[in-house]
N, C-alpha and C. Protein backbone atom coordinates (compact mmCIF):
# COMPACT_ATOMS: atom_id res chain seq x y z
N UNK A 1 30.72 -108.30 84.06
CA UNK A 1 31.18 -107.34 83.07
C UNK A 1 30.56 -105.97 83.30
N UNK A 2 29.26 -105.92 83.63
CA UNK A 2 28.60 -104.64 83.86
C UNK A 2 29.20 -103.92 85.04
N UNK A 3 29.61 -104.68 86.06
CA UNK A 3 30.22 -104.07 87.23
C UNK A 3 31.53 -103.37 86.85
N UNK A 4 32.32 -103.99 86.01
CA UNK A 4 33.58 -103.40 85.57
C UNK A 4 33.35 -102.13 84.78
N UNK A 5 32.33 -102.11 83.94
CA UNK A 5 32.00 -100.93 83.16
C UNK A 5 31.55 -99.79 84.07
N UNK A 6 30.70 -100.11 85.05
CA UNK A 6 30.24 -99.09 85.98
C UNK A 6 31.38 -98.54 86.81
N UNK A 7 32.25 -99.43 87.28
CA UNK A 7 33.40 -99.01 88.07
C UNK A 7 34.33 -98.12 87.25
N UNK A 8 34.54 -98.49 86.00
CA UNK A 8 35.39 -97.69 85.12
C UNK A 8 34.77 -96.32 84.86
N UNK A 9 33.46 -96.28 84.66
CA UNK A 9 32.77 -95.01 84.43
C UNK A 9 32.86 -94.10 85.65
N UNK A 10 32.69 -94.68 86.83
CA UNK A 10 32.79 -93.89 88.06
C UNK A 10 34.21 -93.39 88.25
N UNK A 11 35.19 -94.24 88.03
CA UNK A 11 36.59 -93.84 88.16
C UNK A 11 36.92 -92.72 87.18
N UNK A 12 36.44 -92.84 85.96
CA UNK A 12 36.66 -91.80 84.96
C UNK A 12 36.01 -90.49 85.38
N UNK A 13 34.79 -90.58 85.91
CA UNK A 13 34.09 -89.39 86.40
C UNK A 13 34.84 -88.71 87.53
N UNK A 14 35.36 -89.49 88.45
CA UNK A 14 36.14 -88.93 89.57
C UNK A 14 37.38 -88.22 89.04
N UNK A 15 38.06 -88.84 88.10
CA UNK A 15 39.27 -88.24 87.54
C UNK A 15 38.94 -86.92 86.84
N UNK A 16 37.87 -86.91 86.06
CA UNK A 16 37.48 -85.69 85.34
C UNK A 16 37.12 -84.57 86.31
N UNK A 17 36.30 -84.89 87.32
CA UNK A 17 35.86 -83.86 88.28
C UNK A 17 37.04 -83.38 89.12
N UNK A 18 37.87 -84.28 89.59
CA UNK A 18 39.03 -83.88 90.39
C UNK A 18 40.01 -83.05 89.57
N UNK A 19 40.15 -83.35 88.28
CA UNK A 19 41.01 -82.53 87.42
C UNK A 19 40.44 -81.13 87.28
N UNK A 20 39.12 -81.02 87.12
CA UNK A 20 38.47 -79.71 87.07
C UNK A 20 38.67 -78.93 88.36
N UNK A 21 38.54 -79.61 89.50
CA UNK A 21 38.77 -78.96 90.79
C UNK A 21 40.21 -78.48 90.90
N UNK A 22 41.14 -79.31 90.45
CA UNK A 22 42.55 -78.92 90.49
C UNK A 22 42.81 -77.68 89.63
N UNK A 23 42.26 -77.65 88.44
CA UNK A 23 42.46 -76.51 87.54
C UNK A 23 41.82 -75.24 88.11
N UNK A 24 40.54 -75.33 88.49
CA UNK A 24 39.86 -74.14 89.01
C UNK A 24 40.42 -73.70 90.36
N UNK A 25 40.66 -74.65 91.24
CA UNK A 25 41.25 -74.32 92.54
C UNK A 25 42.64 -73.74 92.39
N UNK A 26 43.40 -74.28 91.46
CA UNK A 26 44.73 -73.75 91.18
C UNK A 26 44.67 -72.32 90.67
N UNK A 27 43.70 -72.05 89.79
CA UNK A 27 43.54 -70.68 89.28
C UNK A 27 43.14 -69.70 90.38
N UNK A 28 42.18 -70.11 91.22
CA UNK A 28 41.76 -69.25 92.33
C UNK A 28 42.93 -68.99 93.27
N UNK A 29 43.69 -70.03 93.57
CA UNK A 29 44.85 -69.88 94.45
C UNK A 29 45.88 -68.95 93.81
N UNK A 30 46.15 -69.14 92.54
CA UNK A 30 47.12 -68.30 91.83
C UNK A 30 46.71 -66.83 91.84
N UNK A 31 45.44 -66.55 91.49
CA UNK A 31 45.00 -65.16 91.43
C UNK A 31 44.93 -64.53 92.82
N UNK A 32 44.58 -65.31 93.82
CA UNK A 32 44.59 -64.80 95.20
C UNK A 32 46.01 -64.47 95.62
N UNK A 33 46.95 -65.35 95.30
CA UNK A 33 48.35 -65.11 95.65
C UNK A 33 48.90 -63.90 94.90
N UNK A 34 48.52 -63.80 93.64
CA UNK A 34 48.95 -62.66 92.82
C UNK A 34 48.43 -61.34 93.41
N UNK A 35 47.17 -61.34 93.87
CA UNK A 35 46.60 -60.16 94.50
C UNK A 35 47.33 -59.84 95.81
N UNK A 36 47.66 -60.88 96.57
CA UNK A 36 48.43 -60.67 97.80
C UNK A 36 49.78 -60.04 97.50
N UNK A 37 50.47 -60.56 96.49
CA UNK A 37 51.79 -60.01 96.14
C UNK A 37 51.70 -58.55 95.70
N UNK A 38 50.60 -58.20 95.07
CA UNK A 38 50.43 -56.83 94.60
C UNK A 38 50.11 -55.88 95.76
N UNK A 39 49.27 -56.35 96.71
CA UNK A 39 48.82 -55.47 97.78
C UNK A 39 49.55 -55.68 99.10
N UNK A 40 50.10 -56.87 99.31
CA UNK A 40 50.75 -57.17 100.58
C UNK A 40 49.79 -57.40 101.73
N UNK A 41 48.51 -57.56 101.43
CA UNK A 41 47.48 -57.74 102.44
C UNK A 41 47.51 -59.17 102.99
N UNK A 42 47.60 -59.26 104.32
CA UNK A 42 47.63 -60.57 104.96
C UNK A 42 46.38 -61.38 104.71
N UNK A 43 45.23 -60.70 104.60
CA UNK A 43 43.97 -61.41 104.36
C UNK A 43 44.00 -62.13 103.01
N UNK A 44 44.59 -61.50 102.01
CA UNK A 44 44.68 -62.16 100.70
C UNK A 44 45.67 -63.32 100.73
N UNK A 45 46.71 -63.20 101.55
CA UNK A 45 47.64 -64.32 101.71
C UNK A 45 46.92 -65.51 102.34
N UNK A 46 46.12 -65.23 103.38
CA UNK A 46 45.36 -66.29 104.04
C UNK A 46 44.33 -66.89 103.08
N UNK A 47 43.70 -66.05 102.27
CA UNK A 47 42.73 -66.53 101.29
C UNK A 47 43.40 -67.49 100.30
N UNK A 48 44.55 -67.10 99.78
CA UNK A 48 45.29 -67.96 98.85
C UNK A 48 45.68 -69.27 99.52
N UNK A 49 46.16 -69.19 100.74
CA UNK A 49 46.54 -70.40 101.47
C UNK A 49 45.33 -71.31 101.68
N UNK A 50 44.19 -70.73 102.06
CA UNK A 50 42.98 -71.52 102.28
C UNK A 50 42.52 -72.24 101.03
N UNK A 51 42.48 -71.53 99.91
CA UNK A 51 42.08 -72.17 98.66
C UNK A 51 43.11 -73.22 98.22
N UNK A 52 44.39 -72.95 98.49
CA UNK A 52 45.41 -73.94 98.17
C UNK A 52 45.23 -75.22 98.96
N UNK A 53 44.87 -75.09 100.24
CA UNK A 53 44.65 -76.26 101.09
C UNK A 53 43.43 -77.05 100.62
N UNK A 54 42.34 -76.35 100.30
CA UNK A 54 41.13 -77.02 99.81
C UNK A 54 41.44 -77.76 98.50
N UNK A 55 42.16 -77.11 97.61
CA UNK A 55 42.53 -77.73 96.33
C UNK A 55 43.42 -78.95 96.54
N UNK A 56 44.39 -78.83 97.44
CA UNK A 56 45.26 -79.95 97.74
C UNK A 56 44.46 -81.12 98.32
N UNK A 57 43.50 -80.81 99.19
CA UNK A 57 42.66 -81.85 99.77
C UNK A 57 41.86 -82.59 98.71
N UNK A 58 41.30 -81.86 97.77
CA UNK A 58 40.54 -82.49 96.70
C UNK A 58 41.44 -83.36 95.84
N UNK A 59 42.64 -82.88 95.56
CA UNK A 59 43.58 -83.65 94.76
C UNK A 59 44.01 -84.92 95.48
N UNK A 60 44.42 -84.79 96.72
CA UNK A 60 44.87 -85.96 97.47
C UNK A 60 43.74 -86.94 97.73
N UNK A 61 42.60 -86.42 98.13
CA UNK A 61 41.46 -87.29 98.43
C UNK A 61 41.00 -88.08 97.21
N UNK A 62 41.09 -87.47 96.05
CA UNK A 62 40.64 -88.13 94.84
C UNK A 62 41.65 -89.08 94.22
N UNK A 63 42.91 -88.91 94.59
CA UNK A 63 43.93 -89.72 93.94
C UNK A 63 44.60 -90.75 94.85
N UNK A 64 44.41 -90.62 96.15
CA UNK A 64 45.09 -91.53 97.08
C UNK A 64 44.75 -92.99 96.80
N UNK A 65 43.47 -93.26 96.53
CA UNK A 65 43.08 -94.65 96.28
C UNK A 65 43.59 -95.14 94.93
N UNK A 66 43.65 -94.26 93.93
CA UNK A 66 44.11 -94.68 92.61
C UNK A 66 45.63 -94.86 92.58
N UNK A 67 46.36 -93.94 93.17
CA UNK A 67 47.81 -93.93 93.05
C UNK A 67 48.49 -94.78 94.14
N UNK A 68 48.05 -94.59 95.39
CA UNK A 68 48.72 -95.26 96.50
C UNK A 68 48.00 -96.49 97.02
N UNK A 69 46.83 -96.77 96.49
CA UNK A 69 46.09 -97.94 96.92
C UNK A 69 45.42 -97.77 98.28
N UNK A 70 45.32 -96.53 98.76
CA UNK A 70 44.63 -96.27 100.03
C UNK A 70 43.14 -96.48 99.80
N UNK A 71 42.43 -97.03 100.80
CA UNK A 71 41.01 -97.28 100.57
C UNK A 71 40.24 -95.97 100.41
N UNK A 72 39.11 -96.04 99.75
CA UNK A 72 38.33 -94.86 99.39
C UNK A 72 37.92 -94.06 100.61
N UNK A 73 37.53 -94.72 101.69
CA UNK A 73 37.10 -94.02 102.90
C UNK A 73 38.23 -93.16 103.47
N UNK A 74 39.45 -93.65 103.44
CA UNK A 74 40.60 -92.87 103.92
C UNK A 74 40.83 -91.66 103.03
N UNK A 75 40.70 -91.85 101.73
CA UNK A 75 40.83 -90.72 100.79
C UNK A 75 39.78 -89.66 101.04
N UNK A 76 38.56 -90.08 101.29
CA UNK A 76 37.48 -89.14 101.58
C UNK A 76 37.76 -88.40 102.89
N UNK A 77 38.27 -89.11 103.89
CA UNK A 77 38.60 -88.49 105.16
C UNK A 77 39.70 -87.44 104.99
N UNK A 78 40.74 -87.76 104.23
CA UNK A 78 41.82 -86.80 103.97
C UNK A 78 41.26 -85.56 103.27
N UNK A 79 40.42 -85.77 102.28
CA UNK A 79 39.77 -84.67 101.56
C UNK A 79 38.97 -83.81 102.53
N UNK A 80 38.17 -84.45 103.39
CA UNK A 80 37.32 -83.72 104.32
C UNK A 80 38.14 -82.92 105.34
N UNK A 81 39.20 -83.50 105.85
CA UNK A 81 40.05 -82.80 106.82
C UNK A 81 40.68 -81.57 106.19
N UNK A 82 41.26 -81.73 105.01
CA UNK A 82 41.91 -80.60 104.35
C UNK A 82 40.89 -79.55 103.90
N UNK A 83 39.70 -79.97 103.51
CA UNK A 83 38.65 -79.01 103.17
C UNK A 83 38.25 -78.22 104.41
N UNK A 84 38.09 -78.89 105.54
CA UNK A 84 37.76 -78.22 106.79
C UNK A 84 38.82 -77.19 107.17
N UNK A 85 40.09 -77.60 107.12
CA UNK A 85 41.18 -76.69 107.47
C UNK A 85 41.23 -75.52 106.49
N UNK A 86 41.10 -75.81 105.20
CA UNK A 86 41.11 -74.75 104.19
C UNK A 86 39.98 -73.76 104.38
N UNK A 87 38.78 -74.25 104.66
CA UNK A 87 37.66 -73.35 104.90
C UNK A 87 37.85 -72.54 106.17
N UNK A 88 38.49 -73.12 107.18
CA UNK A 88 38.79 -72.36 108.40
C UNK A 88 39.75 -71.21 108.08
N UNK A 89 40.76 -71.46 107.25
CA UNK A 89 41.70 -70.41 106.86
C UNK A 89 40.99 -69.36 106.01
N UNK A 90 40.12 -69.80 105.10
CA UNK A 90 39.37 -68.84 104.27
C UNK A 90 38.46 -67.98 105.16
N UNK A 91 37.81 -68.59 106.13
CA UNK A 91 36.96 -67.83 107.06
C UNK A 91 37.80 -66.80 107.81
N UNK A 92 38.96 -67.23 108.29
CA UNK A 92 39.87 -66.29 108.96
C UNK A 92 40.21 -65.12 108.04
N UNK A 93 40.48 -65.42 106.76
CA UNK A 93 40.87 -64.37 105.82
C UNK A 93 39.78 -63.32 105.65
N UNK A 94 38.54 -63.72 105.83
CA UNK A 94 37.42 -62.78 105.67
C UNK A 94 37.30 -61.84 106.87
N UNK A 95 37.88 -62.23 108.01
CA UNK A 95 37.82 -61.39 109.20
C UNK A 95 39.13 -60.69 109.49
N UNK A 96 40.21 -61.07 108.82
CA UNK A 96 41.52 -60.46 109.06
C UNK A 96 41.55 -59.05 108.48
N UNK A 97 42.36 -58.22 109.08
CA UNK A 97 42.50 -56.84 108.59
C UNK A 97 43.51 -56.73 107.49
């Protein structure tokens, strides 16, 4: 019984944190995209894309095991890959003209 309670608490914690990441990441992506639309700057477009990828990775990585039954390690790998790609795009955006 204690194992079930701990597992439920961890699952609830993951859902809460991933929801927070989705909300904050979505807001950062939205405001970056809005700034890009206002200025037309390619760097801001890349910044919005990078944050969108990182946010998508967090969402997919956190929900793949719950929704699709993918094992946790695969979900973490998907999250890590998309975070890596997103950070690469964000880094590019900091050097783009």
